[in-house]
Amino acid sequence: TTEEKPEEKPAEETVPADVLRKELTSANA
């Protein structure tokens, strides 16, 4: 109903691409 509004999700944090590359490299290794 209009009284029950869904909770808005906070904006997702963005992770820099170089951090993601390092994580992916370590996971692949």
PDB file of all heavy atoms in Angstrom:
ATOM      1  N   THR A   1       0.845  -1.184   0.000  1.00  0.00           N
ATOM      2  CA  THR A   1       0.000   0.000   0.000  1.00  0.00           C
ATOM      3  C   THR A   1       0.875   1.226   0.000  1.00  0.00           C
ATOM      4  O   THR A   1       2.095   1.152   0.192  1.00  0.00           O
ATOM      5  CB  THR A   1      -0.917   0.021   1.245  1.00  0.00           C
ATOM      6  OG1 THR A   1      -0.083   0.091   2.399  1.00  0.00           O
ATOM      7  CG2 THR A   1      -1.813  -1.181   1.288  1.00  0.00           C
ATOM      8  N   THR A   2       0.271   2.377  -0.193  1.00  0.00           N
ATOM      9  CA  THR A   2       1.058   3.608  -0.205  1.00  0.00           C
ATOM     10  C   THR A   2       1.645   3.900   1.162  1.00  0.00           C
ATOM     11  O   THR A   2       2.619   4.613   1.273  1.00  0.00           O
ATOM     12  CB  THR A   2       0.181   4.798  -0.653  1.00  0.00           C
ATOM     13  OG1 THR A   2      -0.962   4.852   0.190  1.00  0.00           O
ATOM     14  CG2 THR A   2      -0.227   4.653  -2.109  1.00  0.00           C
ATOM     15  N   GLU A   3       1.042   3.335   2.202  1.00  0.00           N
ATOM     16  CA  GLU A   3       1.565   3.545   3.544  1.00  0.00           C
ATOM     17  C   GLU A   3       2.842   2.754   3.766  1.00  0.00           C
ATOM     18  O   GLU A   3       3.710   3.164   4.511  1.00  0.00           O
ATOM     19  CB  GLU A   3       0.514   3.132   4.574  1.00  0.00           C
ATOM     20  CG  GLU A   3      -0.751   3.963   4.477  1.00  0.00           C
ATOM     21  CD  GLU A   3      -1.907   3.292   5.180  1.00  0.00           C
ATOM     22  OE1 GLU A   3      -1.713   2.209   5.764  1.00  0.00           O
ATOM     23  OE2 GLU A   3      -3.013   3.843   5.139  1.00  0.00           O
ATOM     24  N   GLU A   4       2.960   1.609   3.132  1.00  0.00           N
ATOM     25  CA  GLU A   4       4.127   0.748   3.297  1.00  0.00           C
ATOM     26  C   GLU A   4       5.057   0.960   2.121  1.00  0.00           C
ATOM     27  O   GLU A   4       4.904   0.361   1.073  1.00  0.00           O
ATOM     28  CB  GLU A   4       3.715  -0.728   3.333  1.00  0.00           C
ATOM     29  CG  GLU A   4       2.754  -1.083   4.416  1.00  0.00           C
ATOM     30  CD  GLU A   4       2.271  -2.507   4.253  1.00  0.00           C
ATOM     31  OE1 GLU A   4       2.907  -3.269   3.507  1.00  0.00           O
ATOM     32  OE2 GLU A   4       1.275  -2.854   4.863  1.00  0.00           O
ATOM     33  N   LYS A   5       6.024   1.812   2.283  1.00  0.00           N
ATOM     34  CA  LYS A   5       6.973   2.067   1.200  1.00  0.00           C
ATOM     35  C   LYS A   5       8.135   1.099   1.333  1.00  0.00           C
ATOM     36  O   LYS A   5       8.616   0.852   2.430  1.00  0.00           O
ATOM     37  CB  LYS A   5       7.482   3.503   1.261  1.00  0.00           C
ATOM     38  CG  LYS A   5       6.376   4.500   0.980  1.00  0.00           C
ATOM     39  CD  LYS A   5       6.906   5.890   0.948  1.00  0.00           C
ATOM     40  CE  LYS A   5       5.782   6.866   0.660  1.00  0.00           C
ATOM     41  NZ  LYS A   5       6.256   8.236   0.661  1.00  0.00           N
ATOM     42  N   PRO A   6       8.606   0.563   0.210  1.00  0.00           N
ATOM     43  CA  PRO A   6       9.745  -0.348   0.299  1.00  0.00           C
ATOM     44  C   PRO A   6      10.985   0.420   0.740  1.00  0.00           C
ATOM     45  O   PRO A   6      11.140   1.599   0.429  1.00  0.00           O
ATOM     46  CB  PRO A   6       9.888  -0.878  -1.127  1.00  0.00           C
ATOM     47  CG  PRO A   6       9.244   0.155  -1.987  1.00  0.00           C
ATOM     48  CD  PRO A   6       8.158   0.777  -1.155  1.00  0.00           C
ATOM     49  N   GLU A   7      11.829  -0.264   1.474  1.00  0.00           N
ATOM     50  CA  GLU A   7      13.059   0.362   1.932  1.00  0.00           C
ATOM     51  C   GLU A   7      13.971   0.584   0.738  1.00  0.00           C
ATOM     52  O   GLU A   7      14.183  -0.311  -0.075  1.00  0.00           O
ATOM     53  CB  GLU A   7      13.766  -0.530   2.956  1.00  0.00           C
ATOM     54  CG  GLU A   7      12.987  -0.670   4.234  1.00  0.00           C
ATOM     55  CD  GLU A   7      13.729  -1.532   5.232  1.00  0.00           C
ATOM     56  OE1 GLU A   7      14.952  -1.677   5.092  1.00  0.00           O
ATOM     57  OE2 GLU A   7      13.089  -2.053   6.138  1.00  0.00           O
ATOM     58  N   GLU A   8      14.478   1.787   0.640  1.00  0.00           N
ATOM     59  CA  GLU A   8      15.375   2.082  -0.457  1.00  0.00           C
ATOM     60  C   GLU A   8      16.757   1.562  -0.110  1.00  0.00           C
ATOM     61  O   GLU A   8      17.251   1.752   0.994  1.00  0.00           O
ATOM     62  CB  GLU A   8      15.424   3.585  -0.711  1.00  0.00           C
ATOM     63  CG  GLU A   8      14.108   4.133  -1.229  1.00  0.00           C
ATOM     64  CD  GLU A   8      14.206   5.611  -1.547  1.00  0.00           C
ATOM     65  OE1 GLU A   8      15.332   6.128  -1.666  1.00  0.00           O
ATOM     66  OE2 GLU A   8      13.160   6.240  -1.683  1.00  0.00           O
ATOM     67  N   LYS A   9      17.357   0.908  -1.066  1.00  0.00           N
ATOM     68  CA  LYS A   9      18.696   0.378  -0.856  1.00  0.00           C
ATOM     69  C   LYS A   9      19.695   1.502  -1.057  1.00  0.00           C
ATOM     70  O   LYS A   9      19.547   2.320  -1.968  1.00  0.00           O
ATOM     71  CB  LYS A   9      18.992  -0.757  -1.839  1.00  0.00           C
ATOM     72  CG  LYS A   9      18.125  -1.964  -1.610  1.00  0.00           C
ATOM     73  CD  LYS A   9      18.480  -3.052  -2.566  1.00  0.00           C
ATOM     74  CE  LYS A   9      17.604  -4.273  -2.355  1.00  0.00           C
ATOM     75  NZ  LYS A   9      17.905  -5.328  -3.298  1.00  0.00           N
ATOM     76  N   PRO A  10      20.731   1.565  -0.212  1.00  0.00           N
ATOM     77  CA  PRO A  10      21.736   2.598  -0.410  1.00  0.00           C
ATOM     78  C   PRO A  10      22.499   2.324  -1.697  1.00  0.00           C
ATOM     79  O   PRO A  10      22.581   1.198  -2.175  1.00  0.00           O
ATOM     80  CB  PRO A  10      22.647   2.465   0.819  1.00  0.00           C
ATOM     81  CG  PRO A  10      22.430   1.078   1.297  1.00  0.00           C
ATOM     82  CD  PRO A  10      21.025   0.713   0.911  1.00  0.00           C
ATOM     83  N   ALA A  11      23.035   3.365  -2.260  1.00  0.00           N
ATOM     84  CA  ALA A  11      23.805   3.216  -3.487  1.00  0.00           C
ATOM     85  C   ALA A  11      24.983   2.282  -3.224  1.00  0.00           C
ATOM     86  O   ALA A  11      25.649   2.366  -2.195  1.00  0.00           O
ATOM     87  CB  ALA A  11      24.316   4.581  -3.945  1.00  0.00           C
ATOM     88  N   GLU A  12      25.198   1.379  -4.154  1.00  0.00           N
ATOM     89  CA  GLU A  12      26.284   0.419  -3.979  1.00  0.00           C
ATOM     90  C   GLU A  12      27.620   1.140  -4.069  1.00  0.00           C
ATOM     91  O   GLU A  12      27.787   2.068  -4.858  1.00  0.00           O
ATOM     92  CB  GLU A  12      26.200  -0.664  -5.056  1.00  0.00           C
ATOM     93  CG  GLU A  12      25.001  -1.552  -4.902  1.00  0.00           C
ATOM     94  CD  GLU A  12      25.008  -2.675  -5.927  1.00  0.00           C
ATOM     95  OE1 GLU A  12      26.083  -3.003  -6.442  1.00  0.00           O
ATOM     96  OE2 GLU A  12      23.927  -3.198  -6.183  1.00  0.00           O
ATOM     97  N   GLU A  13      28.543   0.685  -3.253  1.00  0.00           N
ATOM     98  CA  GLU A  13      29.863   1.285  -3.271  1.00  0.00           C
ATOM     99  C   GLU A  13      30.584   0.839  -4.528  1.00  0.00           C
ATOM    100  O   GLU A  13      30.498  -0.315  -4.935  1.00  0.00           O
ATOM    101  CB  GLU A  13      30.659   0.854  -2.041  1.00  0.00           C
ATOM    102  CG  GLU A  13      30.066   1.353  -0.756  1.00  0.00           C
ATOM    103  CD  GLU A  13      30.880   0.918   0.439  1.00  0.00           C
ATOM    104  OE1 GLU A  13      32.054   0.544   0.273  1.00  0.00           O
ATOM    105  OE2 GLU A  13      30.341   0.963   1.549  1.00  0.00           O
ATOM    106  N   THR A  14      31.283   1.742  -5.132  1.00  0.00           N
ATOM    107  CA  THR A  14      32.039   1.381  -6.321  1.00  0.00           C
ATOM    108  C   THR A  14      33.456   1.055  -5.910  1.00  0.00           C
ATOM    109  O   THR A  14      34.042   1.720  -5.061  1.00  0.00           O
ATOM    110  CB  THR A  14      32.045   2.539  -7.335  1.00  0.00           C
ATOM    111  OG1 THR A  14      32.576   3.705  -6.695  1.00  0.00           O
ATOM    112  CG2 THR A  14      30.640   2.840  -7.831  1.00  0.00           C
ATOM    113  N   VAL A  15      33.973   0.007  -6.498  1.00  0.00           N
ATOM    114  CA  VAL A  15      35.321  -0.440  -6.192  1.00  0.00           C
ATOM    115  C   VAL A  15      36.192  -0.110  -7.406  1.00  0.00           C
ATOM    116  O   VAL A  15      35.800  -0.385  -8.539  1.00  0.00           O
ATOM    117  CB  VAL A  15      35.339  -1.964  -5.914  1.00  0.00           C
ATOM    118  CG1 VAL A  15      36.734  -2.433  -5.596  1.00  0.00           C
ATOM    119  CG2 VAL A  15      34.385  -2.289  -4.783  1.00  0.00           C
ATOM    120  N   PRO A  16      37.355   0.483  -7.173  1.00  0.00           N
ATOM    121  CA  PRO A  16      38.218   0.817  -8.297  1.00  0.00           C
ATOM    122  C   PRO A  16      38.595  -0.425  -9.106  1.00  0.00           C
ATOM    123  O   PRO A  16      38.725  -1.525  -8.572  1.00  0.00           O
ATOM    124  CB  PRO A  16      39.459   1.434  -7.634  1.00  0.00           C
ATOM    125  CG  PRO A  16      39.014   1.830  -6.271  1.00  0.00           C
ATOM    126  CD  PRO A  16      37.898   0.916  -5.897  1.00  0.00           C
ATOM    127  N   ALA A  17      38.782  -0.214 -10.398  1.00  0.00           N
ATOM    128  CA  ALA A  17      39.069  -1.323 -11.310  1.00  0.00           C
ATOM    129  C   ALA A  17      40.387  -2.016 -10.959  1.00  0.00           C
ATOM    130  O   ALA A  17      40.491  -3.248 -11.067  1.00  0.00           O
ATOM    131  CB  ALA A  17      39.108  -0.822 -12.746  1.00  0.00           C
ATOM    132  N   ASP A  18      41.403  -1.259 -10.534  1.00  0.00           N
ATOM    133  CA  ASP A  18      42.690  -1.887 -10.229  1.00  0.00           C
ATOM    134  C   ASP A  18      42.582  -2.821  -9.026  1.00  0.00           C
ATOM    135  O   ASP A  18      43.228  -3.872  -8.987  1.00  0.00           O
ATOM    136  CB  ASP A  18      43.785  -0.843 -10.009  1.00  0.00           C
ATOM    137  CG  ASP A  18      43.463   0.135  -8.890  1.00  0.00           C
ATOM    138  OD1 ASP A  18      42.265   0.330  -8.613  1.00  0.00           O
ATOM    139  OD2 ASP A  18      44.411   0.693  -8.303  1.00  0.00           O
ATOM    140  N   VAL A  19      41.741  -2.489  -8.062  1.00  0.00           N
ATOM    141  CA  VAL A  19      41.537  -3.369  -6.904  1.00  0.00           C
ATOM    142  C   VAL A  19      40.857  -4.656  -7.351  1.00  0.00           C
ATOM    143  O   VAL A  19      41.230  -5.762  -6.923  1.00  0.00           O
ATOM    144  CB  VAL A  19      40.707  -2.647  -5.818  1.00  0.00           C
ATOM    145  CG1 VAL A  19      40.332  -3.590  -4.705  1.00  0.00           C
ATOM    146  CG2 VAL A  19      41.459  -1.452  -5.279  1.00  0.00           C
ATOM    147  N   LEU A  20      39.857  -4.514  -8.217  1.00  0.00           N
ATOM    148  CA  LEU A  20      39.163  -5.698  -8.725  1.00  0.00           C
ATOM    149  C   LEU A  20      40.097  -6.584  -9.537  1.00  0.00           C
ATOM    150  O   LEU A  20      40.033  -7.811  -9.454  1.00  0.00           O
ATOM    151  CB  LEU A  20      37.963  -5.284  -9.570  1.00  0.00           C
ATOM    152  CG  LEU A  20      36.824  -4.614  -8.818  1.00  0.00           C
ATOM    153  CD1 LEU A  20      35.757  -4.137  -9.786  1.00  0.00           C
ATOM    154  CD2 LEU A  20      36.228  -5.550  -7.802  1.00  0.00           C
ATOM    155  N   ARG A  21      40.982  -5.972 -10.319  1.00  0.00           N
ATOM    156  CA  ARG A  21      41.950  -6.759 -11.105  1.00  0.00           C
ATOM    157  C   ARG A  21      42.876  -7.548 -10.190  1.00  0.00           C
ATOM    158  O   ARG A  21      43.178  -8.713 -10.450  1.00  0.00           O
ATOM    159  CB  ARG A  21      42.771  -5.843 -12.010  1.00  0.00           C
ATOM    160  CG  ARG A  21      42.050  -5.426 -13.257  1.00  0.00           C
ATOM    161  CD  ARG A  21      42.972  -4.703 -14.233  1.00  0.00           C
ATOM    162  NE  ARG A  21      42.178  -3.960 -15.155  1.00  0.00           N
ATOM    163  CZ  ARG A  21      41.974  -2.635 -15.109  1.00  0.00           C
ATOM    164  NH1 ARG A  21      42.547  -1.915 -14.172  1.00  0.00           N
ATOM    165  NH2 ARG A  21      41.203  -2.043 -15.984  1.00  0.00           N
ATOM    166  N   LYS A  22      43.349  -6.904  -9.119  1.00  0.00           N
ATOM    167  CA  LYS A  22      44.236  -7.594  -8.176  1.00  0.00           C
ATOM    168  C   LYS A  22      43.527  -8.766  -7.522  1.00  0.00           C
ATOM    169  O   LYS A  22      44.095  -9.850  -7.367  1.00  0.00           O
ATOM    170  CB  LYS A  22      44.739  -6.618  -7.108  1.00  0.00           C
ATOM    171  CG  LYS A  22      45.747  -5.628  -7.618  1.00  0.00           C
ATOM    172  CD  LYS A  22      46.173  -4.670  -6.518  1.00  0.00           C
ATOM    173  CE  LYS A  22      47.113  -3.611  -7.043  1.00  0.00           C
ATOM    174  NZ  LYS A  22      47.474  -2.640  -6.011  1.00  0.00           N
ATOM    175  N   GLU A  23      42.269  -8.544  -7.115  1.00  0.00           N
ATOM    176  CA  GLU A  23      41.486  -9.610  -6.490  1.00  0.00           C
ATOM    177  C   GLU A  23      41.280 -10.768  -7.463  1.00  0.00           C
ATOM    178  O   GLU A  23      41.404 -11.933  -7.090  1.00  0.00           O
ATOM    179  CB  GLU A  23      40.131  -9.083  -6.014  1.00  0.00           C
ATOM    180  CG  GLU A  23      40.210  -8.152  -4.831  1.00  0.00           C
ATOM    181  CD  GLU A  23      40.623  -8.881  -3.573  1.00  0.00           C
ATOM    182  OE1 GLU A  23      40.206 -10.026  -3.357  1.00  0.00           O
ATOM    183  OE2 GLU A  23      41.378  -8.282  -2.782  1.00  0.00           O
ATOM    184  N   LEU A  24      40.970 -10.446  -8.715  1.00  0.00           N
ATOM    185  CA  LEU A  24      40.752 -11.476  -9.717  1.00  0.00           C
ATOM    186  C   LEU A  24      42.038 -12.247  -9.984  1.00  0.00           C
ATOM    187  O   LEU A  24      42.028 -13.478 -10.092  1.00  0.00           O
ATOM    188  CB  LEU A  24      40.220 -10.859 -11.015  1.00  0.00           C
ATOM    189  CG  LEU A  24      39.935 -11.825 -12.153  1.00  0.00           C
ATOM    190  CD1 LEU A  24      38.863 -12.818 -11.741  1.00  0.00           C
ATOM    191  CD2 LEU A  24      39.517 -11.070 -13.395  1.00  0.00           C
ATOM    192  N   THR A  25      43.150 -11.551 -10.055  1.00  0.00           N
ATOM    193  CA  THR A  25      44.436 -12.203 -10.288  1.00  0.00           C
ATOM    194  C   THR A  25      44.781 -13.145  -9.141  1.00  0.00           C
ATOM    195  O   THR A  25      45.220 -14.275  -9.365  1.00  0.00           O
ATOM    196  CB  THR A  25      45.549 -11.143 -10.452  1.00  0.00           C
ATOM    197  OG1 THR A  25      45.183 -10.267 -11.515  1.00  0.00           O
ATOM    198  CG2 THR A  25      46.889 -11.778 -10.760  1.00  0.00           C
ATOM    199  N   SER A  26      44.566 -12.685  -7.917  1.00  0.00           N
ATOM    200  CA  SER A  26      44.888 -13.550  -6.779  1.00  0.00           C
ATOM    201  C   SER A  26      43.944 -14.750  -6.720  1.00  0.00           C
ATOM    202  O   SER A  26      44.372 -15.858  -6.398  1.00  0.00           O
ATOM    203  CB  SER A  26      44.840 -12.768  -5.471  1.00  0.00           C
ATOM    204  OG  SER A  26      43.518 -12.370  -5.185  1.00  0.00           O
ATOM    205  N   ALA A  27      42.673 -14.556  -7.062  1.00  0.00           N
ATOM    206  CA  ALA A  27      41.728 -15.678  -7.067  1.00  0.00           C
ATOM    207  C   ALA A  27      42.091 -16.684  -8.154  1.00  0.00           C
ATOM    208  O   ALA A  27      42.018 -17.902  -7.934  1.00  0.00           O
ATOM    209  CB  ALA A  27      40.301 -15.169  -7.281  1.00  0.00           C
ATOM    210  N   ASN A  28      42.493 -16.191  -9.317  1.00  0.00           N
ATOM    211  CA  ASN A  28      42.907 -17.095 -10.395  1.00  0.00           C
ATOM    212  C   ASN A  28      44.165 -17.874 -10.014  1.00  0.00           C
ATOM    213  O   ASN A  28      44.282 -19.062 -10.309  1.00  0.00           O
ATOM    214  CB  ASN A  28      43.147 -16.318 -11.687  1.00  0.00           C
ATOM    215  CG  ASN A  28      41.859 -15.882 -12.343  1.00  0.00           C
ATOM    216  OD1 ASN A  28      40.799 -16.423 -12.073  1.00  0.00           O
ATOM    217  ND2 ASN A  28      41.944 -14.878 -13.207  1.00  0.00           N
ATOM    218  N   ALA A  29      45.114 -17.210  -9.355  1.00  0.00           N
ATOM    219  CA  ALA A  29      46.335 -17.886  -8.934  1.00  0.00           C
ATOM    220  C   ALA A  29      46.021 -18.959  -7.893  1.00  0.00           C
ATOM    221  O   ALA A  29      46.575 -20.069  -7.935  1.00  0.00           O
ATOM    222  CB  ALA A  29      47.330 -16.868  -8.368  1.00  0.00           C
TER     223      ALA A  29
END
